[in-house]
């Protein structure tokens, strides 16, 4: 299936770029295109995964953070929210930005108190997940 789509895309690029010889040559050559896709495809998949995963913290409503970080009701869900730090280097940045943004907004409106056990749960889970990805990374 990928080869058919690659061949179709290559021929389409070759046909539409008649005036630009270099683009037509590279685009019209399915084997060159396949090699390029094979070399850079895995990087594109990882980048797409990281971007998709980084959006997850911003899809969670503020009420979740109020219930979990202020009242301490859903500490296990906080750990689950921090678990993807084990597969992505960008996710902890997005998670931290979301929590800090919520905290600044909430603190300004309703006070700065948080449940220490809930904060420890999310920081501890994030730290362990980051440690695991760091230990698994090639040197």
N, C-alpha and C. Protein backbone atom coordinates (compact mmCIF):
# COMPACT_ATOMS: atom_id res chain seq x y z
N UNK A 1 0.83 -1.19 0.00
CA UNK A 1 0.00 0.00 0.00
C UNK A 1 0.87 1.25 0.00
N UNK A 2 1.92 1.26 0.84
CA UNK A 2 2.79 2.43 0.91
C UNK A 2 3.51 2.63 -0.42
N UNK A 3 3.91 1.53 -1.06
CA UNK A 3 4.62 1.64 -2.34
C UNK A 3 3.71 2.23 -3.41
N UNK A 4 2.45 1.86 -3.44
CA UNK A 4 1.50 2.40 -4.41
C UNK A 4 1.31 3.89 -4.19
N UNK A 5 1.13 4.28 -2.92
CA UNK A 5 0.95 5.69 -2.60
C UNK A 5 2.20 6.49 -2.92
N UNK A 6 3.37 5.91 -2.65
CA UNK A 6 4.63 6.59 -2.94
C UNK A 6 4.81 6.74 -4.45
N UNK A 7 4.51 5.71 -5.20
CA UNK A 7 4.63 5.77 -6.66
C UNK A 7 3.66 6.81 -7.22
N UNK A 8 2.44 6.83 -6.72
CA UNK A 8 1.45 7.80 -7.19
C UNK A 8 1.91 9.22 -6.88
N UNK A 9 2.38 9.45 -5.66
CA UNK A 9 2.85 10.78 -5.28
C UNK A 9 4.06 11.19 -6.12
N UNK A 10 4.97 10.26 -6.33
CA UNK A 10 6.15 10.56 -7.14
C UNK A 10 5.78 10.92 -8.57
N UNK A 11 4.86 10.18 -9.15
CA UNK A 11 4.46 10.49 -10.53
C UNK A 11 3.69 11.80 -10.59
N UNK A 12 2.88 12.07 -9.59
CA UNK A 12 2.15 13.34 -9.56
C UNK A 12 3.11 14.52 -9.46
N UNK A 13 4.11 14.40 -8.63
CA UNK A 13 5.11 15.47 -8.51
C UNK A 13 5.88 15.61 -9.82
N UNK A 14 6.23 14.48 -10.42
CA UNK A 14 6.95 14.52 -11.70
C UNK A 14 6.14 15.17 -12.80
N UNK A 15 4.83 14.93 -12.86
CA UNK A 15 3.98 15.49 -13.90
C UNK A 15 3.73 16.98 -13.70
N UNK A 16 3.58 17.41 -12.46
CA UNK A 16 3.25 18.80 -12.20
C UNK A 16 4.47 19.72 -12.23
N UNK A 17 5.66 19.17 -12.22
CA UNK A 17 6.85 20.01 -12.19
C UNK A 17 7.67 19.85 -13.45
N UNK A 18 7.01 19.98 -14.60
CA UNK A 18 7.70 19.81 -15.87
C UNK A 18 8.77 20.86 -16.10
N UNK A 19 8.55 22.07 -15.62
CA UNK A 19 9.50 23.16 -15.85
C UNK A 19 10.72 23.07 -14.95
N UNK A 20 10.58 22.50 -13.79
CA UNK A 20 11.69 22.41 -12.85
C UNK A 20 12.26 21.00 -12.94
N UNK A 21 13.35 20.87 -13.63
CA UNK A 21 13.91 19.55 -13.92
C UNK A 21 14.33 18.80 -12.68
N UNK A 22 14.95 19.47 -11.74
CA UNK A 22 15.45 18.78 -10.54
C UNK A 22 14.30 18.24 -9.69
N UNK A 23 13.25 19.04 -9.53
CA UNK A 23 12.11 18.58 -8.74
C UNK A 23 11.41 17.44 -9.46
N UNK A 24 11.28 17.56 -10.76
CA UNK A 24 10.65 16.50 -11.53
C UNK A 24 11.45 15.20 -11.48
N UNK A 25 12.77 15.33 -11.52
CA UNK A 25 13.62 14.14 -11.49
C UNK A 25 13.53 13.44 -10.14
N UNK A 26 13.67 14.21 -9.06
CA UNK A 26 13.62 13.62 -7.73
C UNK A 26 12.21 13.13 -7.40
N UNK A 27 11.22 13.96 -7.71
CA UNK A 27 9.84 13.58 -7.41
C UNK A 27 9.34 12.45 -8.28
N UNK A 28 9.82 12.39 -9.51
CA UNK A 28 9.37 11.36 -10.42
C UNK A 28 10.05 10.03 -10.21
N UNK A 29 11.08 10.00 -9.40
CA UNK A 29 11.81 8.77 -9.16
C UNK A 29 11.28 8.10 -7.90
N UNK A 30 10.41 7.11 -8.04
CA UNK A 30 9.85 6.46 -6.86
C UNK A 30 10.90 5.82 -5.97
N UNK A 31 11.97 5.30 -6.55
CA UNK A 31 12.97 4.65 -5.70
C UNK A 31 13.69 5.67 -4.83
N UNK A 32 14.00 6.85 -5.38
CA UNK A 32 14.64 7.89 -4.56
C UNK A 32 13.68 8.37 -3.48
N UNK A 33 12.41 8.50 -3.84
CA UNK A 33 11.41 8.94 -2.87
C UNK A 33 11.25 7.91 -1.76
N UNK A 34 11.21 6.62 -2.12
CA UNK A 34 11.08 5.56 -1.12
C UNK A 34 12.25 5.56 -0.15
N UNK A 35 13.47 5.76 -0.67
CA UNK A 35 14.64 5.81 0.20
C UNK A 35 14.55 6.98 1.16
N UNK A 36 14.08 8.12 0.66
CA UNK A 36 13.94 9.29 1.53
C UNK A 36 12.89 9.03 2.61
N UNK A 37 11.77 8.44 2.23
CA UNK A 37 10.72 8.15 3.20
C UNK A 37 11.22 7.15 4.23
N UNK A 38 11.97 6.14 3.79
CA UNK A 38 12.48 5.13 4.72
C UNK A 38 13.46 5.74 5.71
N UNK A 39 14.29 6.68 5.24
CA UNK A 39 15.27 7.30 6.14
C UNK A 39 14.62 8.26 7.13
N UNK A 40 13.70 9.07 6.65
CA UNK A 40 13.14 10.11 7.52
C UNK A 40 11.77 9.75 8.08
N UNK A 41 11.19 8.66 7.67
CA UNK A 41 9.84 8.31 8.11
C UNK A 41 9.74 8.07 9.60
N UNK A 42 10.71 7.38 10.17
CA UNK A 42 10.64 7.09 11.60
C UNK A 42 10.79 8.36 12.42
N UNK A 43 11.58 9.30 11.93
CA UNK A 43 11.71 10.57 12.64
C UNK A 43 10.40 11.34 12.59
N UNK A 44 9.74 11.32 11.45
CA UNK A 44 8.47 11.99 11.32
C UNK A 44 7.42 11.37 12.23
N UNK A 45 7.41 10.05 12.32
CA UNK A 45 6.44 9.40 13.20
C UNK A 45 6.69 9.76 14.66
N UNK A 46 7.95 9.78 15.09
CA UNK A 46 8.25 10.14 16.48
C UNK A 46 7.87 11.58 16.76
N UNK A 47 8.16 12.48 15.83
CA UNK A 47 7.82 13.89 16.02
C UNK A 47 6.30 14.06 16.09
N UNK A 48 5.58 13.40 15.20
CA UNK A 48 4.12 13.48 15.21
C UNK A 48 3.56 12.94 16.52
N UNK A 49 4.12 11.84 17.00
CA UNK A 49 3.69 11.27 18.28
C UNK A 49 3.95 12.25 19.43
N UNK A 50 5.13 12.87 19.44
CA UNK A 50 5.45 13.83 20.51
C UNK A 50 4.51 15.02 20.51
N UNK A 51 4.21 15.54 19.32
CA UNK A 51 3.30 16.69 19.23
C UNK A 51 1.90 16.29 19.68
N UNK A 52 1.43 15.13 19.24
CA UNK A 52 0.10 14.67 19.65
C UNK A 52 0.03 14.48 21.16
N UNK A 53 1.06 13.87 21.72
CA UNK A 53 1.09 13.61 23.14
C UNK A 53 1.17 14.91 23.95
N UNK A 54 1.88 15.89 23.43
CA UNK A 54 2.02 17.16 24.14
C UNK A 54 0.71 17.93 24.22
N UNK A 55 -0.25 17.58 23.38
CA UNK A 55 -1.55 18.25 23.43
C UNK A 55 -2.45 17.71 24.52
N UNK A 56 -2.18 16.51 25.00
CA UNK A 56 -3.05 15.86 25.99
C UNK A 56 -3.27 16.70 27.25
N UNK A 57 -2.23 17.26 27.88
CA UNK A 57 -2.49 18.04 29.10
C UNK A 57 -3.40 19.25 28.87
N UNK A 58 -3.41 19.78 27.66
CA UNK A 58 -4.24 20.95 27.37
C UNK A 58 -5.68 20.59 27.06
N UNK A 59 -5.96 19.30 26.93
CA UNK A 59 -7.33 18.85 26.70
C UNK A 59 -8.06 18.57 28.01
N UNK A 60 -7.34 18.58 29.11
CA UNK A 60 -7.93 18.27 30.41
C UNK A 60 -8.50 19.54 31.02
N UNK A 61 -9.70 19.43 31.54
CA UNK A 61 -10.38 20.60 32.09
C UNK A 61 -9.73 21.05 33.40
N UNK A 62 -9.96 22.31 33.76
CA UNK A 62 -9.41 22.87 34.99
C UNK A 62 -9.99 22.19 36.23
N UNK A 63 -11.20 21.72 36.14
CA UNK A 63 -11.82 21.05 37.29
C UNK A 63 -11.04 19.83 37.75
N UNK A 64 -10.43 19.12 36.80
CA UNK A 64 -9.61 17.97 37.17
C UNK A 64 -8.46 18.39 38.07
N UNK A 65 -7.79 19.47 37.70
CA UNK A 65 -6.66 19.94 38.51
C UNK A 65 -7.12 20.47 39.86
N UNK A 66 -8.28 21.09 39.89
CA UNK A 66 -8.82 21.56 41.18
C UNK A 66 -9.14 20.39 42.09
N UNK A 67 -9.78 19.37 41.55
CA UNK A 67 -10.12 18.20 42.37
C UNK A 67 -8.88 17.44 42.81
N UNK A 68 -7.90 17.33 41.95
CA UNK A 68 -6.74 16.50 42.29
C UNK A 68 -5.66 17.25 43.05
N UNK A 69 -5.33 18.45 42.65
CA UNK A 69 -4.22 19.17 43.30
C UNK A 69 -4.65 19.96 44.53
N UNK A 70 -5.90 20.33 44.63
CA UNK A 70 -6.35 21.09 45.80
C UNK A 70 -7.00 20.18 46.83
N UNK A 71 -7.93 19.34 46.36
CA UNK A 71 -8.63 18.45 47.30
C UNK A 71 -7.93 17.11 47.47
N UNK A 72 -7.06 16.75 46.54
CA UNK A 72 -6.33 15.48 46.64
C UNK A 72 -7.18 14.26 46.35
N UNK A 73 -8.22 14.42 45.55
CA UNK A 73 -9.16 13.33 45.32
C UNK A 73 -8.68 12.31 44.29
N UNK A 74 -7.94 12.72 43.30
CA UNK A 74 -7.59 11.82 42.19
C UNK A 74 -6.09 11.74 41.98
N UNK A 75 -5.38 11.33 43.00
CA UNK A 75 -3.92 11.26 42.90
C UNK A 75 -3.47 10.18 41.92
N UNK A 76 -4.21 9.10 41.82
CA UNK A 76 -3.84 8.06 40.87
C UNK A 76 -3.94 8.57 39.43
N UNK A 77 -4.94 9.40 39.15
CA UNK A 77 -5.07 9.97 37.81
C UNK A 77 -3.93 10.94 37.53
N UNK A 78 -3.42 11.60 38.55
CA UNK A 78 -2.25 12.46 38.36
C UNK A 78 -1.03 11.63 37.95
N UNK A 79 -0.87 10.49 38.58
CA UNK A 79 0.23 9.59 38.22
C UNK A 79 0.05 9.11 36.78
N UNK A 80 -1.18 8.78 36.40
CA UNK A 80 -1.44 8.37 35.01
C UNK A 80 -1.18 9.51 34.03
N UNK A 81 -1.46 10.73 34.45
CA UNK A 81 -1.20 11.89 33.61
C UNK A 81 0.30 12.12 33.42
N UNK A 82 1.09 11.77 34.42
CA UNK A 82 2.55 11.94 34.34
C UNK A 82 3.25 10.77 33.67
N UNK A 83 2.59 9.65 33.51
CA UNK A 83 3.22 8.45 32.95
C UNK A 83 3.78 8.63 31.53
N UNK A 84 3.13 9.39 30.64
CA UNK A 84 3.71 9.56 29.30
C UNK A 84 5.07 10.27 29.28
N UNK A 85 5.51 10.79 30.39
CA UNK A 85 6.86 11.36 30.46
C UNK A 85 7.90 10.29 30.18
N UNK A 86 7.52 9.03 30.28
CA UNK A 86 8.45 7.92 30.03
C UNK A 86 8.67 7.65 28.55
N UNK A 87 7.87 8.25 27.67
CA UNK A 87 8.03 7.99 26.24
C UNK A 87 8.29 9.23 25.41
N UNK A 88 8.31 10.39 26.02
CA UNK A 88 8.48 11.62 25.25
C UNK A 88 9.25 12.65 26.06
N UNK A 89 10.21 13.29 25.40
CA UNK A 89 10.94 14.36 26.08
C UNK A 89 10.16 15.67 26.08
N UNK A 90 9.23 15.86 25.17
CA UNK A 90 8.47 17.10 25.10
C UNK A 90 7.24 17.10 26.01
N UNK A 91 6.74 15.95 26.34
CA UNK A 91 5.54 15.87 27.17
C UNK A 91 5.72 16.51 28.55
N UNK A 92 6.85 16.29 29.25
CA UNK A 92 6.99 16.93 30.56
C UNK A 92 6.95 18.46 30.49
N UNK A 93 7.46 19.01 29.39
CA UNK A 93 7.42 20.47 29.23
C UNK A 93 5.97 20.93 29.09
N UNK A 94 5.21 20.22 28.26
CA UNK A 94 3.80 20.57 28.08
C UNK A 94 3.00 20.38 29.36
N UNK A 95 3.25 19.29 30.07
CA UNK A 95 2.55 19.03 31.33
C UNK A 95 2.88 20.09 32.36
N UNK A 96 4.16 20.41 32.47
CA UNK A 96 4.57 21.46 33.41
C UNK A 96 3.96 22.81 33.06
N UNK A 97 3.93 23.14 31.77
CA UNK A 97 3.33 24.41 31.35
C UNK A 97 1.84 24.45 31.67
N UNK A 98 1.16 23.33 31.48
CA UNK A 98 -0.29 23.29 31.76
C UNK A 98 -0.57 23.44 33.25
N UNK A 99 0.20 22.72 34.07
CA UNK A 99 -0.04 22.79 35.52
C UNK A 99 0.34 24.17 36.06
N UNK A 100 1.46 24.71 35.62
CA UNK A 100 1.87 26.04 36.09
C UNK A 100 0.88 27.10 35.63
N UNK A 101 0.42 27.00 34.37
CA UNK A 101 -0.59 27.94 33.89
C UNK A 101 -1.88 27.86 34.68
N UNK A 102 -2.32 26.64 34.97
CA UNK A 102 -3.52 26.48 35.78
C UNK A 102 -3.29 27.05 37.18
N UNK A 103 -2.14 26.78 37.76
CA UNK A 103 -1.85 27.23 39.12
C UNK A 103 -1.82 28.75 39.22
N UNK A 104 -1.21 29.40 38.25
CA UNK A 104 -1.16 30.87 38.27
C UNK A 104 -2.57 31.44 38.15
N UNK A 105 -3.38 30.90 37.26
CA UNK A 105 -4.75 31.38 37.10
C UNK A 105 -5.58 31.09 38.34
N UNK A 106 -5.48 29.88 38.84
CA UNK A 106 -6.28 29.50 40.01
C UNK A 106 -5.82 30.26 41.26
N UNK A 107 -4.52 30.36 41.45
CA UNK A 107 -4.00 31.05 42.63
C UNK A 107 -4.42 32.50 42.68
N UNK A 108 -4.45 33.13 41.54
CA UNK A 108 -4.86 34.53 41.47
C UNK A 108 -6.33 34.68 41.85
N UNK A 109 -7.15 33.71 41.49
CA UNK A 109 -8.59 33.79 41.75
C UNK A 109 -8.99 33.25 43.12
N UNK A 110 -8.43 32.10 43.52
CA UNK A 110 -8.99 31.40 44.68
C UNK A 110 -7.98 31.04 45.76
N UNK A 111 -6.74 31.41 45.62
CA UNK A 111 -5.76 31.09 46.65
C UNK A 111 -4.68 30.15 46.13
N UNK A 112 -3.57 30.14 46.85
CA UNK A 112 -2.38 29.45 46.38
C UNK A 112 -2.14 28.10 47.05
N UNK A 113 -3.06 27.60 47.87
CA UNK A 113 -2.85 26.34 48.59
C UNK A 113 -3.07 25.13 47.70
N UNK A 114 -2.13 24.19 47.79
CA UNK A 114 -2.24 22.91 47.10
C UNK A 114 -2.03 21.79 48.10
N UNK A 115 -2.55 20.63 47.81
CA UNK A 115 -2.37 19.45 48.65
C UNK A 115 -0.95 18.91 48.42
N UNK A 116 -0.10 18.90 49.46
CA UNK A 116 1.29 18.45 49.27
C UNK A 116 1.42 17.03 48.74
N UNK A 117 0.54 16.13 49.17
CA UNK A 117 0.64 14.74 48.68
C UNK A 117 0.34 14.65 47.18
N UNK A 118 -0.60 15.46 46.68
CA UNK A 118 -0.92 15.45 45.26
C UNK A 118 0.23 16.03 44.43
N UNK A 119 0.83 17.09 44.92
CA UNK A 119 1.98 17.68 44.23
C UNK A 119 3.14 16.69 44.22
N UNK A 120 3.37 16.02 45.34
CA UNK A 120 4.43 15.01 45.41
C UNK A 120 4.16 13.85 44.45
N UNK A 121 2.89 13.48 44.29
CA UNK A 121 2.54 12.37 43.39
C UNK A 121 2.87 12.72 41.94
N UNK A 122 2.49 13.90 41.51
CA UNK A 122 2.74 14.27 40.11
C UNK A 122 4.22 14.52 39.85
N UNK A 123 4.91 15.13 40.80
CA UNK A 123 6.35 15.38 40.63
C UNK A 123 7.12 14.06 40.70
N UNK A 124 6.77 13.20 41.63
CA UNK A 124 7.45 11.91 41.76
C UNK A 124 7.25 11.02 40.54
N UNK A 125 6.01 10.96 40.05
CA UNK A 125 5.73 10.15 38.87
C UNK A 125 6.45 10.70 37.64
N UNK A 126 6.47 12.02 37.52
CA UNK A 126 7.18 12.63 36.39
C UNK A 126 8.67 12.36 36.48
N UNK A 127 9.23 12.46 37.67
CA UNK A 127 10.66 12.22 37.85
C UNK A 127 11.02 10.77 37.51
N UNK A 128 10.24 9.83 37.99
CA UNK A 128 10.52 8.42 37.70
C UNK A 128 10.39 8.13 36.20
N UNK A 129 9.37 8.70 35.57
CA UNK A 129 9.19 8.50 34.14
C UNK A 129 10.34 9.13 33.35
N UNK A 130 10.75 10.33 33.73
CA UNK A 130 11.88 10.96 33.04
C UNK A 130 13.17 10.19 33.27
N UNK A 131 13.34 9.66 34.45
CA UNK A 131 14.53 8.86 34.74
C UNK A 131 14.55 7.60 33.86
N UNK A 132 13.39 7.00 33.67
CA UNK A 132 13.33 5.79 32.85
C UNK A 132 13.65 6.09 31.39
N UNK A 133 13.16 7.22 30.86
CA UNK A 133 13.48 7.54 29.47
C UNK A 133 14.94 7.93 29.33
N UNK A 134 15.50 8.56 30.32
CA UNK A 134 16.90 8.93 30.27
C UNK A 134 17.80 7.69 30.33
N UNK A 135 17.44 6.71 31.16
CA UNK A 135 18.25 5.49 31.27
C UNK A 135 18.16 4.64 30.01
N UNK A 136 17.04 4.72 29.29
CA UNK A 136 16.86 3.93 28.08
C UNK A 136 17.47 4.58 26.84
N UNK A 137 17.79 5.86 26.91
CA UNK A 137 18.30 6.57 25.73
C UNK A 137 19.71 6.11 25.41
N UNK A 138 20.01 5.98 24.12
CA UNK A 138 21.36 5.59 23.75
C UNK A 138 22.35 6.72 24.03
N UNK A 139 23.56 6.33 24.32
CA UNK A 139 24.60 7.32 24.66
C UNK A 139 25.19 7.90 23.43
